[in-house]
Amino acid sequence: MDKLTKIIFGLVIILIFAACSDFESQLVNEINSGSEKYTDLIQSVENCHFSTDLYGKFINAEKFPASLELALNKTRLKGKVNYIVIDKNTDCKGISVEFILGNTHLVFESCPDSRFPKPGSYKEEGFIETWGINPNWLIWKDNDFI
């Protein structure tokens, strides 16, 4: 490879990496600076009254009520959430919600346990990246191509 080809190849790799991490960093910033949007989003999920038969299962975006769509549209998640998974947290009578956006997952835990990542943390294990956003929110991303 000549020098110009190496430079172009290197720039393409850098741009791809920057583009992949940009959404996550913007999401982290939005949650940390505009938490009321995300508080409203969780309240909207709680108010949806999904059947308890759906707890722990993938709920397709086509089944989201208008109120949930409205709450999502006020955030960076607008048009990106394919599924949500809701679970009841019996320890604190709260809920956990996982918003699934392809290979990126945004997770809310009303009562996080000691395994929950620390706010501001980042960890990469194999193909999995995890960002601790704040005491109740995290992002994990599966970079496996399979």
N, C-alpha and C. Protein backbone atom coordinates (compact mmCIF):
# COMPACT_ATOMS: atom_id res chain seq x y z
N MET A 1 0.84 -1.19 0.00
CA MET A 1 0.00 0.00 0.00
C MET A 1 0.88 1.24 0.00
N ASP A 2 0.51 2.19 -0.83
CA ASP A 2 1.26 3.44 -0.82
C ASP A 2 0.82 4.30 0.36
N LYS A 3 1.55 5.37 0.59
CA LYS A 3 1.31 6.21 1.76
C LYS A 3 -0.09 6.85 1.73
N LEU A 4 -0.53 7.33 0.57
CA LEU A 4 -1.84 7.97 0.47
C LEU A 4 -2.97 6.98 0.77
N THR A 5 -2.85 5.76 0.27
CA THR A 5 -3.85 4.73 0.53
C THR A 5 -3.92 4.42 2.02
N LYS A 6 -2.78 4.35 2.68
CA LYS A 6 -2.74 4.09 4.12
C LYS A 6 -3.42 5.22 4.89
N ILE A 7 -3.17 6.45 4.47
CA ILE A 7 -3.77 7.60 5.15
C ILE A 7 -5.28 7.57 4.97
N ILE A 8 -5.74 7.34 3.75
CA ILE A 8 -7.18 7.28 3.49
C ILE A 8 -7.82 6.15 4.27
N PHE A 9 -7.20 4.98 4.27
CA PHE A 9 -7.71 3.84 5.02
C PHE A 9 -7.80 4.16 6.51
N GLY A 10 -6.77 4.80 7.04
CA GLY A 10 -6.75 5.18 8.45
C GLY A 10 -7.86 6.18 8.78
N LEU A 11 -8.07 7.16 7.90
CA LEU A 11 -9.13 8.14 8.12
C LEU A 11 -10.51 7.50 8.07
N VAL A 12 -10.71 6.56 7.15
CA VAL A 12 -12.00 5.86 7.08
C VAL A 12 -12.26 5.10 8.37
N ILE A 13 -11.26 4.41 8.88
CA ILE A 13 -11.41 3.66 10.15
C ILE A 13 -11.74 4.62 11.29
N ILE A 14 -11.05 5.74 11.35
CA ILE A 14 -11.31 6.71 12.42
C ILE A 14 -12.73 7.26 12.30
N LEU A 15 -13.17 7.58 11.10
CA LEU A 15 -14.53 8.10 10.91
C LEU A 15 -15.59 7.07 11.28
N ILE A 16 -15.35 5.83 10.93
CA ILE A 16 -16.30 4.77 11.30
C ILE A 16 -16.37 4.65 12.82
N PHE A 17 -15.22 4.64 13.48
CA PHE A 17 -15.20 4.53 14.94
C PHE A 17 -15.90 5.72 15.59
N ALA A 18 -15.61 6.93 15.07
CA ALA A 18 -16.23 8.13 15.64
C ALA A 18 -17.74 8.11 15.44
N ALA A 19 -18.20 7.67 14.29
CA ALA A 19 -19.64 7.62 14.02
C ALA A 19 -20.33 6.61 14.91
N CYS A 20 -19.69 5.50 15.18
CA CYS A 20 -20.30 4.46 16.01
C CYS A 20 -20.42 4.92 17.46
N SER A 21 -19.48 5.68 17.94
CA SER A 21 -19.52 6.05 19.34
C SER A 21 -20.26 7.38 19.57
N ASP A 22 -20.54 8.12 18.52
CA ASP A 22 -21.17 9.43 18.66
C ASP A 22 -22.57 9.33 19.27
N PHE A 23 -23.38 8.38 18.79
CA PHE A 23 -24.74 8.25 19.31
C PHE A 23 -24.72 7.96 20.81
N GLU A 24 -23.87 7.04 21.24
CA GLU A 24 -23.81 6.69 22.66
C GLU A 24 -23.39 7.89 23.49
N SER A 25 -22.39 8.63 23.04
CA SER A 25 -21.94 9.78 23.83
C SER A 25 -23.02 10.87 23.87
N GLN A 26 -23.74 11.07 22.77
CA GLN A 26 -24.84 12.03 22.77
C GLN A 26 -25.96 11.60 23.70
N LEU A 27 -26.24 10.30 23.72
CA LEU A 27 -27.28 9.77 24.59
C LEU A 27 -26.89 9.95 26.06
N VAL A 28 -25.64 9.64 26.39
CA VAL A 28 -25.15 9.82 27.76
C VAL A 28 -25.30 11.29 28.17
N ASN A 29 -24.88 12.19 27.29
CA ASN A 29 -24.98 13.63 27.60
C ASN A 29 -26.42 14.06 27.78
N GLU A 30 -27.30 13.57 26.92
CA GLU A 30 -28.71 13.96 27.02
C GLU A 30 -29.34 13.46 28.32
N ILE A 31 -29.04 12.23 28.70
CA ILE A 31 -29.60 11.68 29.95
C ILE A 31 -29.08 12.46 31.15
N ASN A 32 -27.78 12.76 31.13
CA ASN A 32 -27.20 13.47 32.27
C ASN A 32 -27.61 14.94 32.34
N SER A 33 -27.91 15.55 31.21
CA SER A 33 -28.26 16.97 31.24
C SER A 33 -29.76 17.22 31.16
N GLY A 34 -30.51 16.26 30.63
CA GLY A 34 -31.94 16.48 30.48
C GLY A 34 -32.73 15.33 31.08
N SER A 35 -32.43 15.00 32.31
CA SER A 35 -33.00 13.81 32.92
C SER A 35 -34.52 13.82 33.02
N GLU A 36 -35.13 15.02 33.00
CA GLU A 36 -36.59 15.07 33.10
C GLU A 36 -37.25 14.38 31.91
N LYS A 37 -36.64 14.43 30.73
CA LYS A 37 -37.18 13.72 29.56
C LYS A 37 -37.21 12.22 29.82
N TYR A 38 -36.17 11.74 30.45
CA TYR A 38 -36.06 10.30 30.69
C TYR A 38 -36.87 9.87 31.90
N THR A 39 -37.06 10.77 32.86
CA THR A 39 -37.99 10.50 33.95
C THR A 39 -39.40 10.38 33.39
N ASP A 40 -39.75 11.29 32.50
CA ASP A 40 -41.07 11.24 31.85
C ASP A 40 -41.22 9.98 31.01
N LEU A 41 -40.14 9.56 30.36
CA LEU A 41 -40.18 8.35 29.53
C LEU A 41 -40.50 7.13 30.40
N ILE A 42 -39.82 7.00 31.53
CA ILE A 42 -40.07 5.85 32.41
C ILE A 42 -41.48 5.93 32.98
N GLN A 43 -41.92 7.12 33.34
CA GLN A 43 -43.29 7.29 33.83
C GLN A 43 -44.30 6.87 32.75
N SER A 44 -44.01 7.19 31.51
CA SER A 44 -44.88 6.80 30.40
C SER A 44 -44.93 5.29 30.26
N VAL A 45 -43.79 4.61 30.40
CA VAL A 45 -43.77 3.15 30.34
C VAL A 45 -44.62 2.58 31.47
N GLU A 46 -44.46 3.13 32.67
CA GLU A 46 -45.24 2.65 33.82
C GLU A 46 -46.73 2.85 33.60
N ASN A 47 -47.10 3.93 32.94
CA ASN A 47 -48.51 4.25 32.72
C ASN A 47 -49.13 3.49 31.55
N CYS A 48 -48.31 2.80 30.77
CA CYS A 48 -48.83 2.08 29.60
C CYS A 48 -49.67 0.87 29.99
N HIS A 49 -49.48 0.36 31.17
CA HIS A 49 -50.25 -0.79 31.65
C HIS A 49 -50.17 -1.97 30.68
N PHE A 50 -48.93 -2.28 30.26
CA PHE A 50 -48.76 -3.49 29.47
C PHE A 50 -49.17 -4.68 30.31
N SER A 51 -49.71 -5.68 29.70
CA SER A 51 -50.11 -6.90 30.40
C SER A 51 -48.90 -7.50 31.10
N THR A 52 -49.11 -8.01 32.30
CA THR A 52 -48.02 -8.67 33.02
C THR A 52 -47.53 -9.90 32.26
N ASP A 53 -48.33 -10.41 31.33
CA ASP A 53 -47.88 -11.52 30.49
C ASP A 53 -46.72 -11.10 29.59
N LEU A 54 -46.58 -9.81 29.36
CA LEU A 54 -45.51 -9.31 28.50
C LEU A 54 -44.23 -9.00 29.26
N TYR A 55 -44.26 -9.04 30.59
CA TYR A 55 -43.05 -8.75 31.36
C TYR A 55 -41.97 -9.77 31.03
N GLY A 56 -40.77 -9.25 30.80
CA GLY A 56 -39.65 -10.10 30.47
C GLY A 56 -39.61 -10.52 29.01
N LYS A 57 -40.54 -10.03 28.20
CA LYS A 57 -40.60 -10.38 26.79
C LYS A 57 -40.37 -9.14 25.93
N PHE A 58 -39.95 -9.37 24.71
CA PHE A 58 -39.75 -8.29 23.77
C PHE A 58 -41.11 -7.73 23.34
N ILE A 59 -41.30 -6.43 23.54
CA ILE A 59 -42.53 -5.77 23.09
C ILE A 59 -42.16 -4.94 21.87
N ASN A 60 -42.71 -5.29 20.74
CA ASN A 60 -42.41 -4.66 19.46
C ASN A 60 -42.90 -3.21 19.45
N ALA A 61 -42.16 -2.36 18.77
CA ALA A 61 -42.51 -0.93 18.67
C ALA A 61 -43.90 -0.72 18.10
N GLU A 62 -44.37 -1.65 17.30
CA GLU A 62 -45.72 -1.53 16.73
C GLU A 62 -46.81 -1.56 17.81
N LYS A 63 -46.48 -2.10 18.98
CA LYS A 63 -47.45 -2.19 20.08
C LYS A 63 -47.33 -1.04 21.08
N PHE A 64 -46.43 -0.08 20.81
CA PHE A 64 -46.28 1.04 21.72
C PHE A 64 -47.50 1.94 21.61
N PRO A 65 -48.11 2.30 22.74
CA PRO A 65 -49.22 3.26 22.68
C PRO A 65 -48.70 4.66 22.30
N ALA A 66 -49.61 5.50 21.88
CA ALA A 66 -49.26 6.86 21.43
C ALA A 66 -48.52 7.64 22.52
N SER A 67 -48.91 7.45 23.78
CA SER A 67 -48.26 8.18 24.88
C SER A 67 -46.77 7.81 25.00
N LEU A 68 -46.45 6.55 24.79
CA LEU A 68 -45.06 6.12 24.84
C LEU A 68 -44.30 6.66 23.64
N GLU A 69 -44.90 6.62 22.47
CA GLU A 69 -44.28 7.19 21.26
C GLU A 69 -43.98 8.67 21.46
N LEU A 70 -44.92 9.38 22.05
CA LEU A 70 -44.74 10.81 22.31
C LEU A 70 -43.56 11.05 23.24
N ALA A 71 -43.46 10.27 24.31
CA ALA A 71 -42.34 10.40 25.25
C ALA A 71 -41.01 10.06 24.57
N LEU A 72 -40.99 9.02 23.75
CA LEU A 72 -39.77 8.65 23.02
C LEU A 72 -39.35 9.77 22.06
N ASN A 73 -40.35 10.40 21.41
CA ASN A 73 -40.07 11.44 20.42
C ASN A 73 -39.45 12.69 21.03
N LYS A 74 -39.52 12.84 22.33
CA LYS A 74 -38.92 13.99 23.01
C LYS A 74 -37.45 13.74 23.35
N THR A 75 -36.96 12.55 23.03
CA THR A 75 -35.60 12.16 23.37
C THR A 75 -34.81 11.81 22.10
N ARG A 76 -33.54 11.53 22.29
CA ARG A 76 -32.66 11.09 21.20
C ARG A 76 -33.06 9.70 20.70
N LEU A 77 -33.96 9.03 21.40
CA LEU A 77 -34.41 7.69 21.00
C LEU A 77 -35.47 7.73 19.91
N LYS A 78 -35.90 8.91 19.53
CA LYS A 78 -36.98 9.08 18.54
C LYS A 78 -36.71 8.23 17.29
N GLY A 79 -37.65 7.33 17.01
CA GLY A 79 -37.59 6.50 15.81
C GLY A 79 -36.54 5.41 15.81
N LYS A 80 -35.86 5.22 16.94
CA LYS A 80 -34.76 4.26 16.98
C LYS A 80 -35.07 2.98 17.78
N VAL A 81 -36.08 3.01 18.64
CA VAL A 81 -36.36 1.87 19.52
C VAL A 81 -37.17 0.82 18.76
N ASN A 82 -36.60 -0.39 18.67
CA ASN A 82 -37.28 -1.50 18.00
C ASN A 82 -38.16 -2.28 18.96
N TYR A 83 -37.69 -2.42 20.20
CA TYR A 83 -38.38 -3.21 21.23
C TYR A 83 -38.11 -2.59 22.59
N ILE A 84 -38.98 -2.91 23.54
CA ILE A 84 -38.67 -2.68 24.94
C ILE A 84 -38.93 -3.99 25.69
N VAL A 85 -38.22 -4.14 26.79
CA VAL A 85 -38.43 -5.27 27.69
C VAL A 85 -38.64 -4.66 29.07
N ILE A 86 -39.75 -5.02 29.71
CA ILE A 86 -40.09 -4.48 31.03
C ILE A 86 -40.08 -5.63 32.03
N ASP A 87 -39.52 -5.38 33.19
CA ASP A 87 -39.58 -6.34 34.29
C ASP A 87 -39.91 -5.61 35.57
N LYS A 88 -40.62 -6.29 36.46
CA LYS A 88 -40.89 -5.75 37.79
C LYS A 88 -39.69 -6.07 38.67
N ASN A 89 -39.29 -5.12 39.46
CA ASN A 89 -38.22 -5.33 40.42
C ASN A 89 -38.87 -5.57 41.77
N THR A 90 -38.88 -6.82 42.22
CA THR A 90 -39.57 -7.17 43.46
C THR A 90 -38.88 -6.62 44.70
N ASP A 91 -37.57 -6.33 44.59
CA ASP A 91 -36.84 -5.83 45.75
C ASP A 91 -37.31 -4.44 46.17
N CYS A 92 -37.69 -3.62 45.20
CA CYS A 92 -38.06 -2.24 45.56
C CYS A 92 -39.39 -1.82 44.96
N LYS A 93 -40.11 -2.76 44.39
CA LYS A 93 -41.42 -2.50 43.79
C LYS A 93 -41.34 -1.49 42.65
N GLY A 94 -40.19 -1.43 41.99
CA GLY A 94 -40.01 -0.58 40.82
C GLY A 94 -39.95 -1.45 39.58
N ILE A 95 -39.53 -0.84 38.48
CA ILE A 95 -39.42 -1.58 37.24
C ILE A 95 -38.01 -1.44 36.66
N SER A 96 -37.70 -2.33 35.76
CA SER A 96 -36.53 -2.16 34.91
C SER A 96 -37.05 -2.16 33.48
N VAL A 97 -36.44 -1.33 32.66
CA VAL A 97 -36.85 -1.20 31.27
C VAL A 97 -35.60 -1.23 30.41
N GLU A 98 -35.66 -2.03 29.36
CA GLU A 98 -34.57 -2.09 28.40
C GLU A 98 -35.12 -1.64 27.05
N PHE A 99 -34.52 -0.57 26.52
CA PHE A 99 -34.88 -0.05 25.21
C PHE A 99 -33.88 -0.63 24.22
N ILE A 100 -34.35 -1.37 23.24
CA ILE A 100 -33.46 -2.06 22.32
C ILE A 100 -33.47 -1.34 20.98
N LEU A 101 -32.28 -0.89 20.59
CA LEU A 101 -32.09 -0.13 19.35
C LEU A 101 -31.06 -0.89 18.51
N GLY A 102 -31.46 -1.97 17.90
CA GLY A 102 -30.49 -2.78 17.15
C GLY A 102 -29.53 -3.45 18.12
N ASN A 103 -28.24 -3.16 17.96
CA ASN A 103 -27.24 -3.78 18.85
C ASN A 103 -26.93 -2.93 20.08
N THR A 104 -27.63 -1.80 20.22
CA THR A 104 -27.44 -0.93 21.37
C THR A 104 -28.65 -1.05 22.29
N HIS A 105 -28.38 -1.18 23.59
CA HIS A 105 -29.43 -1.35 24.59
C HIS A 105 -29.28 -0.27 25.65
N LEU A 106 -30.35 0.47 25.88
CA LEU A 106 -30.39 1.46 26.95
C LEU A 106 -31.23 0.86 28.07
N VAL A 107 -30.65 0.79 29.27
CA VAL A 107 -31.31 0.10 30.38
C VAL A 107 -31.54 1.07 31.53
N PHE A 108 -32.77 1.03 32.07
CA PHE A 108 -33.13 1.75 33.28
C PHE A 108 -33.41 0.73 34.37
N GLU A 109 -32.82 0.92 35.54
CA GLU A 109 -33.07 0.08 36.72
C GLU A 109 -33.53 0.97 37.85
N SER A 110 -34.75 0.73 38.34
CA SER A 110 -35.24 1.54 39.46
C SER A 110 -34.44 1.28 40.73
N CYS A 111 -33.98 0.06 40.90
CA CYS A 111 -33.21 -0.32 42.09
C CYS A 111 -31.98 -1.12 41.66
N PRO A 112 -30.96 -0.46 41.16
CA PRO A 112 -29.79 -1.20 40.69
C PRO A 112 -29.06 -1.89 41.83
N ASP A 113 -28.53 -3.06 41.53
CA ASP A 113 -27.76 -3.78 42.56
C ASP A 113 -26.28 -3.45 42.41
N SER A 114 -25.45 -4.11 43.18
CA SER A 114 -24.01 -3.80 43.21
C SER A 114 -23.31 -4.12 41.90
N ARG A 115 -23.93 -4.93 41.03
CA ARG A 115 -23.31 -5.25 39.74
C ARG A 115 -23.53 -4.17 38.69
N PHE A 116 -24.41 -3.23 38.99
CA PHE A 116 -24.71 -2.14 38.06
C PHE A 116 -23.45 -1.28 37.91
N PRO A 117 -23.11 -0.88 36.68
CA PRO A 117 -21.87 -0.09 36.52
C PRO A 117 -21.95 1.27 37.21
N LYS A 118 -20.81 1.72 37.65
CA LYS A 118 -20.72 3.03 38.32
C LYS A 118 -20.97 4.14 37.31
N PRO A 119 -21.59 5.24 37.73
CA PRO A 119 -21.81 6.37 36.83
C PRO A 119 -20.49 6.85 36.23
N GLY A 120 -20.53 7.13 34.93
CA GLY A 120 -19.33 7.62 34.24
C GLY A 120 -18.34 6.53 33.86
N SER A 121 -18.68 5.28 34.11
CA SER A 121 -17.73 4.20 33.82
C SER A 121 -17.88 3.69 32.39
N TYR A 122 -16.83 3.04 31.92
CA TYR A 122 -16.84 2.40 30.61
C TYR A 122 -16.05 1.11 30.74
N LYS A 123 -16.60 0.04 30.14
CA LYS A 123 -15.90 -1.24 30.18
C LYS A 123 -16.13 -1.95 28.85
N GLU A 124 -15.07 -2.58 28.37
CA GLU A 124 -15.17 -3.38 27.15
C GLU A 124 -14.69 -4.79 27.47
N GLU A 125 -15.58 -5.75 27.25
CA GLU A 125 -15.24 -7.16 27.46
C GLU A 125 -15.60 -7.91 26.19
N GLY A 126 -14.59 -8.33 25.45
CA GLY A 126 -14.85 -9.00 24.18
C GLY A 126 -15.56 -8.04 23.24
N PHE A 127 -16.73 -8.45 22.76
CA PHE A 127 -17.50 -7.61 21.84
C PHE A 127 -18.51 -6.71 22.56
N ILE A 128 -18.58 -6.78 23.88
CA ILE A 128 -19.57 -6.02 24.64
C ILE A 128 -18.93 -4.77 25.26
N GLU A 129 -19.57 -3.62 25.00
CA GLU A 129 -19.17 -2.36 25.62
C GLU A 129 -20.27 -1.96 26.59
N THR A 130 -19.90 -1.44 27.74
CA THR A 130 -20.87 -1.00 28.75
C THR A 130 -20.49 0.38 29.26
N TRP A 131 -21.49 1.28 29.27
CA TRP A 131 -21.32 2.62 29.81
C TRP A 131 -22.25 2.77 31.00
N GLY A 132 -21.71 3.14 32.15
CA GLY A 132 -22.54 3.52 33.29
C GLY A 132 -22.84 5.00 33.14
N ILE A 133 -24.11 5.35 33.03
CA ILE A 133 -24.48 6.74 32.77
C ILE A 133 -24.67 7.50 34.08
N ASN A 134 -25.55 6.99 34.90
CA ASN A 134 -25.81 7.57 36.21
C ASN A 134 -26.28 6.43 37.11
N PRO A 135 -26.74 6.68 38.32
CA PRO A 135 -27.08 5.56 39.20
C PRO A 135 -28.18 4.62 38.67
N ASN A 136 -28.99 5.05 37.73
CA ASN A 136 -30.10 4.22 37.26
C ASN A 136 -30.06 3.84 35.78
N TRP A 137 -29.15 4.41 35.02
CA TRP A 137 -29.12 4.19 33.58
C TRP A 137 -27.77 3.64 33.13
N LEU A 138 -27.82 2.75 32.14
CA LEU A 138 -26.61 2.25 31.50
C LEU A 138 -26.89 1.97 30.03
N ILE A 139 -25.83 1.91 29.25
CA ILE A 139 -25.91 1.49 27.85
C ILE A 139 -25.00 0.29 27.72
N TRP A 140 -25.47 -0.72 27.00
CA TRP A 140 -24.56 -1.79 26.60
C TRP A 140 -24.75 -2.02 25.12
N LYS A 141 -23.65 -2.36 24.48
CA LYS A 141 -23.65 -2.52 23.02
C LYS A 141 -22.92 -3.80 22.67
N ASP A 142 -23.53 -4.57 21.80
CA ASP A 142 -22.95 -5.82 21.32
C ASP A 142 -22.36 -5.58 19.94
N ASN A 143 -21.05 -5.59 19.85
CA ASN A 143 -20.36 -5.32 18.59
C ASN A 143 -20.02 -6.59 17.81
N ASP A 144 -20.57 -7.71 18.21
CA ASP A 144 -20.35 -8.97 17.50
C ASP A 144 -21.05 -8.88 16.15
N PHE A 145 -20.38 -9.23 15.10
CA PHE A 145 -20.95 -9.10 13.75
C PHE A 145 -21.90 -10.24 13.38
N ILE A 146 -21.98 -11.23 14.22
CA ILE A 146 -22.86 -12.38 13.91
C ILE A 146 -24.27 -12.10 14.32
